[in-house]
Amino acid sequence: REVIENDKAKIQAVIQELEIKKNQALQTTWVKVNRDFGSIFSTLLPGTSAKLDPPEGGTVLDGLEVKVAFGKVWKESLTELSGGQRSLLALSLVLSLLLFKPAPMYILDEIDAALDLSHTQNIGTMLRTHFRDSQFIVVSLKEGMFNNANVLFRTKFVDGVSTVTRTVTSRGAQGSSHGHSTSDKENMPRKGAKSSNARKGKRKTGQTA
């Protein structure tokens, strides 16, 4: 009986220790993600604030609620936001979670498709300022994204031929001691290749450090 009681006490001690570590990990994660979430969203949509709060009277173990303010006025519901604003909010949450443990490389495919040019420009700025140690390969059809890129790959599909043009931007040239000038290009025609955007005839991929 004594052995059983001792084993029970040890198991309970381990459970209590794990519970403490779990709560500490959740608290640490929430604090950092919440801070980055607000910072990213305010960069994507200047003049706004966003935060992740536990429900009233609850803790992070009970879940988190997304709250958004324009200026000093906090919205009562996310339904008050436009579709584009909700898209930026969702993107901010995803990126803030990724920023908790950043990966060396990310690939983003037309995340700005439903956004206007000013928001696209803000996304490029945010990636450069918040993910300094990660590399992004971004596919987009909008110029605003590439003002923050180091290298641009432009593709065209004309008369059955797909052509890729590589351009090192001034940012990319400054970041590398062996960088090319903005006029250096490499054309690689590919007969029979199909572009996923043949109707427009042009598609761009940006690469940021």
C-alpha atoms as a PDB file:
ATOM      1  CA  ARG A   1       0.000   0.000   0.000  1.00  0.00           C
ATOM      2  CA  GLU A   2       2.841   2.367   0.856  1.00  0.00           C
ATOM      3  CA  VAL A   3       4.438   1.787  -2.565  1.00  0.00           C
ATOM      4  CA  ILE A   4       1.148   2.560  -4.293  1.00  0.00           C
ATOM      5  CA  GLU A   5       0.686   5.756  -2.285  1.00  0.00           C
ATOM      6  CA  ASN A   6       4.228   6.877  -3.130  1.00  0.00           C
ATOM      7  CA  ASP A   7       3.723   6.171  -6.834  1.00  0.00           C
ATOM      8  CA  LYS A   8       0.431   8.042  -6.762  1.00  0.00           C
ATOM      9  CA  ALA A   9       2.082  11.062  -5.148  1.00  0.00           C
ATOM     10  CA  LYS A  10       4.867  11.047  -7.742  1.00  0.00           C
ATOM     11  CA  ILE A  11       2.378  10.832 -10.612  1.00  0.00           C
ATOM     12  CA  GLN A  12       0.347  13.695  -9.183  1.00  0.00           C
ATOM     13  CA  ALA A  13       3.510  15.772  -8.791  1.00  0.00           C
ATOM     14  CA  VAL A  14       4.460  15.136 -12.425  1.00  0.00           C
ATOM     15  CA  ILE A  15       0.947  16.045 -13.596  1.00  0.00           C
ATOM     16  CA  GLN A  16       1.063  19.261 -11.596  1.00  0.00           C
ATOM     17  CA  GLU A  17       4.491  20.130 -12.985  1.00  0.00           C
ATOM     18  CA  LEU A  18       3.335  19.495 -16.562  1.00  0.00           C
ATOM     19  CA  GLU A  19       0.245  21.615 -15.963  1.00  0.00           C
ATOM     20  CA  ILE A  20       2.408  24.497 -14.782  1.00  0.00           C
ATOM     21  CA  LYS A  21       4.709  24.180 -17.805  1.00  0.00           C
ATOM     22  CA  LYS A  22       1.695  24.021 -20.145  1.00  0.00           C
ATOM     23  CA  ASN A  23       0.209  27.186 -18.689  1.00  0.00           C
ATOM     24  CA  GLN A  24       3.558  28.970 -18.869  1.00  0.00           C
ATOM     25  CA  ALA A  25       4.022  27.927 -22.507  1.00  0.00           C
ATOM     26  CA  LEU A  26       0.513  29.077 -23.423  1.00  0.00           C
ATOM     27  CA  GLN A  27       1.030  32.383 -21.648  1.00  0.00           C
ATOM     28  CA  THR A  28       4.381  32.988 -23.352  1.00  0.00           C
ATOM     29  CA  THR A  29       2.950  32.101 -26.758  1.00  0.00           C
ATOM     30  CA  TRP A  30      -0.112  34.287 -26.276  1.00  0.00           C
ATOM     31  CA  VAL A  31       1.919  37.318 -25.206  1.00  0.00           C
ATOM     32  CA  LYS A  32       4.248  37.129 -28.216  1.00  0.00           C
ATOM     33  CA  VAL A  33       1.599  36.223 -30.801  1.00  0.00           C
ATOM     34  CA  ASN A  34      -0.701  38.943 -29.467  1.00  0.00           C
ATOM     35  CA  ARG A  35       2.061  41.543 -29.723  1.00  0.00           C
ATOM     36  CA  ASP A  36       3.049  40.503 -33.255  1.00  0.00           C
ATOM     37  CA  PHE A  37      -0.598  40.236 -34.320  1.00  0.00           C
ATOM     38  CA  GLY A  38      -1.258  43.838 -33.349  1.00  0.00           C
ATOM     39  CA  SER A  39       1.978  45.053 -34.905  1.00  0.00           C
ATOM     40  CA  ILE A  40       1.410  43.247 -38.214  1.00  0.00           C
ATOM     41  CA  PHE A  41      -2.219  44.341 -38.517  1.00  0.00           C
ATOM     42  CA  SER A  42      -1.392  47.981 -37.800  1.00  0.00           C
ATOM     43  CA  THR A  43       1.297  47.793 -40.505  1.00  0.00           C
ATOM     44  CA  LEU A  44      -1.099  46.300 -43.044  1.00  0.00           C
ATOM     45  CA  LEU A  45      -3.878  48.723 -42.110  1.00  0.00           C
ATOM     46  CA  PRO A  46      -2.403  51.927 -40.628  1.00  0.00           C
ATOM     47  CA  GLY A  47      -4.470  53.676 -37.988  1.00  0.00           C
ATOM     48  CA  THR A  48      -5.871  50.456 -36.559  1.00  0.00           C
ATOM     49  CA  SER A  49      -5.204  48.200 -33.574  1.00  0.00           C
ATOM     50  CA  ALA A  50      -5.867  44.519 -33.002  1.00  0.00           C
ATOM     51  CA  LYS A  51      -5.476  42.151 -30.088  1.00  0.00           C
ATOM     52  CA  LEU A  52      -6.280  38.654 -28.878  1.00  0.00           C
ATOM     53  CA  ASP A  53      -8.080  38.687 -25.542  1.00  0.00           C
ATOM     54  CA  PRO A  54      -9.491  35.861 -23.405  1.00  0.00           C
ATOM     55  CA  PRO A  55     -13.285  35.955 -23.063  1.00  0.00           C
ATOM     56  CA  GLU A  56     -14.595  38.129 -20.243  1.00  0.00           C
ATOM     57  CA  GLY A  57     -13.983  36.391 -16.936  1.00  0.00           C
ATOM     58  CA  GLY A  58     -11.915  33.648 -18.595  1.00  0.00           C
ATOM     59  CA  THR A  59      -8.291  32.812 -19.311  1.00  0.00           C
ATOM     60  CA  VAL A  60      -6.321  31.807 -22.394  1.00  0.00           C
ATOM     61  CA  LEU A  61      -7.346  28.227 -21.636  1.00  0.00           C
ATOM     62  CA  ASP A  62     -10.939  29.227 -22.405  1.00  0.00           C
ATOM     63  CA  GLY A  63     -10.045  30.563 -25.847  1.00  0.00           C
ATOM     64  CA  LEU A  64      -9.209  33.934 -27.385  1.00  0.00           C
ATOM     65  CA  GLU A  65     -11.334  36.614 -29.004  1.00  0.00           C
ATOM     66  CA  VAL A  66     -10.146  38.869 -31.830  1.00  0.00           C
ATOM     67  CA  LYS A  67     -10.777  42.549 -31.185  1.00  0.00           C
ATOM     68  CA  VAL A  68     -10.164  45.374 -33.645  1.00  0.00           C
ATOM     69  CA  ALA A  69     -10.107  49.146 -33.208  1.00  0.00           C
ATOM     70  CA  PHE A  70     -10.101  51.933 -35.775  1.00  0.00           C
ATOM     71  CA  GLY A  71      -8.471  54.849 -34.063  1.00  0.00           C
ATOM     72  CA  LYS A  72      -9.654  54.593 -30.448  1.00  0.00           C
ATOM     73  CA  VAL A  73     -13.005  52.987 -31.216  1.00  0.00           C
ATOM     74  CA  TRP A  74     -13.156  49.219 -30.691  1.00  0.00           C
ATOM     75  CA  LYS A  75     -15.515  47.332 -32.968  1.00  0.00           C
ATOM     76  CA  GLU A  76     -18.189  45.268 -31.276  1.00  0.00           C
ATOM     77  CA  SER A  77     -18.085  42.557 -33.947  1.00  0.00           C
ATOM     78  CA  LEU A  78     -15.876  41.512 -36.843  1.00  0.00           C
ATOM     79  CA  THR A  79     -18.959  41.704 -39.077  1.00  0.00           C
ATOM     80  CA  GLU A  80     -18.468  45.479 -38.999  1.00  0.00           C
ATOM     81  CA  LEU A  81     -15.287  45.035 -41.063  1.00  0.00           C
ATOM     82  CA  SER A  82     -15.220  44.950 -44.837  1.00  0.00           C
ATOM     83  CA  GLY A  83     -14.181  41.836 -46.727  1.00  0.00           C
ATOM     84  CA  GLY A  84     -10.741  43.270 -47.430  1.00  0.00           C
ATOM     85  CA  GLN A  85     -10.243  44.240 -43.792  1.00  0.00           C
ATOM     86  CA  ARG A  86     -11.196  40.754 -42.636  1.00  0.00           C
ATOM     87  CA  SER A  87      -8.723  39.313 -45.156  1.00  0.00           C
ATOM     88  CA  LEU A  88      -5.956  41.466 -43.696  1.00  0.00           C
ATOM     89  CA  LEU A  89      -7.001  40.443 -40.185  1.00  0.00           C
ATOM     90  CA  ALA A  90      -6.822  36.740 -41.054  1.00  0.00           C
ATOM     91  CA  LEU A  91      -3.462  37.229 -42.783  1.00  0.00           C
ATOM     92  CA  SER A  92      -2.141  39.059 -39.722  1.00  0.00           C
ATOM     93  CA  LEU A  93      -3.169  36.213 -37.427  1.00  0.00           C
ATOM     94  CA  VAL A  94      -1.583  33.544 -39.635  1.00  0.00           C
ATOM     95  CA  LEU A  95       1.667  35.494 -39.988  1.00  0.00           C
ATOM     96  CA  SER A  96       1.845  36.266 -36.262  1.00  0.00           C
ATOM     97  CA  LEU A  97       1.598  32.533 -35.544  1.00  0.00           C
ATOM     98  CA  LEU A  98       4.319  31.834 -38.111  1.00  0.00           C
ATOM     99  CA  LEU A  99       6.476  34.540 -36.569  1.00  0.00           C
ATOM    100  CA  PHE A 100       6.450  32.746 -33.211  1.00  0.00           C
ATOM    101  CA  LYS A 101       8.839  30.170 -34.699  1.00  0.00           C
ATOM    102  CA  PRO A 102       9.890  31.545 -38.098  1.00  0.00           C
ATOM    103  CA  ALA A 103      10.795  29.182 -40.926  1.00  0.00           C
ATOM    104  CA  PRO A 104      13.740  29.961 -43.234  1.00  0.00           C
ATOM    105  CA  MET A 105      11.483  30.200 -46.308  1.00  0.00           C
ATOM    106  CA  TYR A 106       7.843  30.874 -47.168  1.00  0.00           C
ATOM    107  CA  ILE A 107       5.927  30.708 -50.458  1.00  0.00           C
ATOM    108  CA  LEU A 108       2.911  33.005 -50.854  1.00  0.00           C
ATOM    109  CA  ASP A 109       0.662  32.643 -53.906  1.00  0.00           C
ATOM    110  CA  GLU A 110      -1.346  35.779 -54.744  1.00  0.00           C
ATOM    111  CA  ILE A 111      -2.305  36.597 -51.166  1.00  0.00           C
ATOM    112  CA  ASP A 112      -3.016  40.144 -52.373  1.00  0.00           C
ATOM    113  CA  ALA A 113      -5.416  39.109 -55.148  1.00  0.00           C
ATOM    114  CA  ALA A 114      -8.488  40.625 -53.455  1.00  0.00           C
ATOM    115  CA  LEU A 115      -6.713  43.682 -52.041  1.00  0.00           C
ATOM    116  CA  ASP A 116      -6.161  47.153 -53.449  1.00  0.00           C
ATOM    117  CA  LEU A 117      -2.728  48.547 -54.303  1.00  0.00           C
ATOM    118  CA  SER A 118      -2.138  50.382 -51.005  1.00  0.00           C
ATOM    119  CA  HIS A 119      -2.704  47.201 -49.001  1.00  0.00           C
ATOM    120  CA  THR A 120      -0.420  45.270 -51.343  1.00  0.00           C
ATOM    121  CA  GLN A 121       2.358  47.784 -50.736  1.00  0.00           C
ATOM    122  CA  ASN A 122       1.826  47.453 -46.978  1.00  0.00           C
ATOM    123  CA  ILE A 123       2.163  43.652 -47.175  1.00  0.00           C
ATOM    124  CA  GLY A 124       5.569  44.019 -48.822  1.00  0.00           C
ATOM    125  CA  THR A 125       6.676  46.469 -46.144  1.00  0.00           C
ATOM    126  CA  MET A 126       5.430  44.180 -43.369  1.00  0.00           C
ATOM    127  CA  LEU A 127       7.284  41.128 -44.726  1.00  0.00           C
ATOM    128  CA  ARG A 128      10.530  43.060 -44.863  1.00  0.00           C
ATOM    129  CA  THR A 129      10.239  44.572 -41.387  1.00  0.00           C
ATOM    130  CA  HIS A 130       8.816  41.609 -39.442  1.00  0.00           C
ATOM    131  CA  PHE A 131      10.514  38.628 -41.110  1.00  0.00           C
ATOM    132  CA  ARG A 132      14.099  39.824 -41.400  1.00  0.00           C
ATOM    133  CA  ASP A 133      15.584  36.323 -41.081  1.00  0.00           C
ATOM    134  CA  SER A 134      13.215  34.571 -43.504  1.00  0.00           C
ATOM    135  CA  GLN A 135      13.080  34.456 -47.289  1.00  0.00           C
ATOM    136  CA  PHE A 136       9.811  34.865 -49.175  1.00  0.00           C
ATOM    137  CA  ILE A 137       8.889  33.734 -52.670  1.00  0.00           C
ATOM    138  CA  VAL A 138       5.777  35.704 -53.555  1.00  0.00           C
ATOM    139  CA  VAL A 139       3.579  35.257 -56.623  1.00  0.00           C
ATOM    140  CA  SER A 140       1.540  38.336 -57.491  1.00  0.00           C
ATOM    141  CA  LEU A 141       0.137  40.372 -60.368  1.00  0.00           C
ATOM    142  CA  LYS A 142       0.430  43.715 -58.580  1.00  0.00           C
ATOM    143  CA  GLU A 143       3.324  46.155 -58.665  1.00  0.00           C
ATOM    144  CA  GLY A 144       2.979  47.268 -55.049  1.00  0.00           C
ATOM    145  CA  MET A 145       4.322  44.006 -53.661  1.00  0.00           C
ATOM    146  CA  PHE A 146       7.609  44.239 -55.525  1.00  0.00           C
ATOM    147  CA  ASN A 147       8.778  47.609 -54.285  1.00  0.00           C
ATOM    148  CA  ASN A 148      10.181  45.605 -51.355  1.00  0.00           C
ATOM    149  CA  ALA A 149      11.572  42.673 -53.365  1.00  0.00           C
ATOM    150  CA  ASN A 150      15.238  41.878 -53.930  1.00  0.00           C
ATOM    151  CA  VAL A 151      14.733  39.860 -57.120  1.00  0.00           C
ATOM    152  CA  LEU A 152      11.876  39.837 -59.636  1.00  0.00           C
ATOM    153  CA  PHE A 153      10.997  37.036 -62.042  1.00  0.00           C
ATOM    154  CA  ARG A 154       8.615  38.187 -64.775  1.00  0.00           C
ATOM    155  CA  THR A 155       6.887  35.609 -66.953  1.00  0.00           C
ATOM    156  CA  LYS A 156       5.110  36.173 -70.262  1.00  0.00           C
ATOM    157  CA  PHE A 157       3.183  33.746 -72.420  1.00  0.00           C
ATOM    158  CA  VAL A 158       2.901  34.957 -76.000  1.00  0.00           C
ATOM    159  CA  ASP A 159       2.275  32.908 -79.163  1.00  0.00           C
ATOM    160  CA  GLY A 160       2.909  29.598 -77.429  1.00  0.00           C
ATOM    161  CA  VAL A 161       6.212  30.677 -75.850  1.00  0.00           C
ATOM    162  CA  SER A 162       6.740  31.287 -72.131  1.00  0.00           C
ATOM    163  CA  THR A 163       9.580  33.681 -71.284  1.00  0.00           C
ATOM    164  CA  VAL A 164      11.081  34.276 -67.831  1.00  0.00           C
ATOM    165  CA  THR A 165      12.968  37.507 -67.135  1.00  0.00           C
ATOM    166  CA  ARG A 166      15.046  37.900 -63.985  1.00  0.00           C
ATOM    167  CA  THR A 167      15.759  41.340 -62.540  1.00  0.00           C
ATOM    168  CA  VAL A 168      17.768  42.196 -59.439  1.00  0.00           C
ATOM    169  CA  THR A 169      16.244  45.300 -57.871  1.00  0.00           C
ATOM    170  CA  SER A 170      18.182  48.114 -56.255  1.00  0.00           C
ATOM    171  CA  ARG A 171      17.347  46.613 -52.843  1.00  0.00           C
ATOM    172  CA  GLY A 172      18.776  43.263 -53.898  1.00  0.00           C
ATOM    173  CA  ALA A 173      21.908  44.859 -55.331  1.00  0.00           C
ATOM    174  CA  GLN A 174      22.533  46.776 -52.105  1.00  0.00           C
ATOM    175  CA  GLY A 175      22.105  43.599 -50.056  1.00  0.00           C
ATOM    176  CA  SER A 176      24.728  41.615 -51.972  1.00  0.00           C
ATOM    177  CA  SER A 177      28.342  42.472 -52.664  1.00  0.00           C
ATOM    178  CA  HIS A 178      27.969  40.588 -55.957  1.00  0.00           C
ATOM    179  CA  GLY A 179      24.557  42.007 -56.848  1.00  0.00           C
ATOM    180  CA  HIS A 180      23.676  42.826 -60.439  1.00  0.00           C
ATOM    181  CA  SER A 181      22.360  46.182 -61.487  1.00  0.00           C
ATOM    182  CA  THR A 182      18.648  46.650 -62.074  1.00  0.00           C
ATOM    183  CA  SER A 183      19.195  46.333 -65.814  1.00  0.00           C
ATOM    184  CA  ASP A 184      20.755  42.849 -65.703  1.00  0.00           C
ATOM    185  CA  LYS A 185      18.289  40.276 -67.019  1.00  0.00           C
ATOM    186  CA  GLU A 186      18.249  36.651 -68.047  1.00  0.00           C
ATOM    187  CA  ASN A 187      15.733  35.575 -70.696  1.00  0.00           C
ATOM    188  CA  MET A 188      14.811  31.897 -70.835  1.00  0.00           C
ATOM    189  CA  PRO A 189      12.246  31.135 -73.572  1.00  0.00           C
ATOM    190  CA  ARG A 190      10.378  27.880 -73.157  1.00  0.00           C
ATOM    191  CA  LYS A 191       8.361  26.668 -76.131  1.00  0.00           C
ATOM    192  CA  GLY A 192       5.085  24.960 -75.405  1.00  0.00           C
ATOM    193  CA  ALA A 193       5.024  25.994 -71.745  1.00  0.00           C
ATOM    194  CA  LYS A 194       1.718  27.215 -70.382  1.00  0.00           C
ATOM    195  CA  SER A 195       1.234  30.163 -68.103  1.00  0.00           C
ATOM    196  CA  SER A 196      -1.381  29.995 -65.382  1.00  0.00           C
ATOM    197  CA  ASN A 197      -2.278  33.546 -66.373  1.00  0.00           C
ATOM    198  CA  ALA A 198      -2.206  33.382 -70.151  1.00  0.00           C
ATOM    199  CA  ARG A 199      -5.062  35.843 -70.513  1.00  0.00           C
ATOM    200  CA  LYS A 200      -3.061  38.689 -69.028  1.00  0.00           C
ATOM    201  CA  GLY A 201       0.177  37.546 -70.579  1.00  0.00           C
ATOM    202  CA  LYS A 202       2.283  38.599 -67.621  1.00  0.00           C
ATOM    203  CA  ARG A 203       2.933  37.163 -64.184  1.00  0.00           C
ATOM    204  CA  LYS A 204       5.497  38.157 -61.613  1.00  0.00           C
ATOM    205  CA  THR A 205       7.227  36.409 -58.783  1.00  0.00           C
ATOM    206  CA  GLY A 206       9.094  38.438 -56.201  1.00  0.00           C
ATOM    207  CA  GLN A 207      11.790  37.210 -53.881  1.00  0.00           C
ATOM    208  CA  THR A 208      12.592  39.020 -50.658  1.00  0.00           C
ATOM    209  CA  ALA A 209      15.293  38.269 -48.160  1.00  0.00           C
END
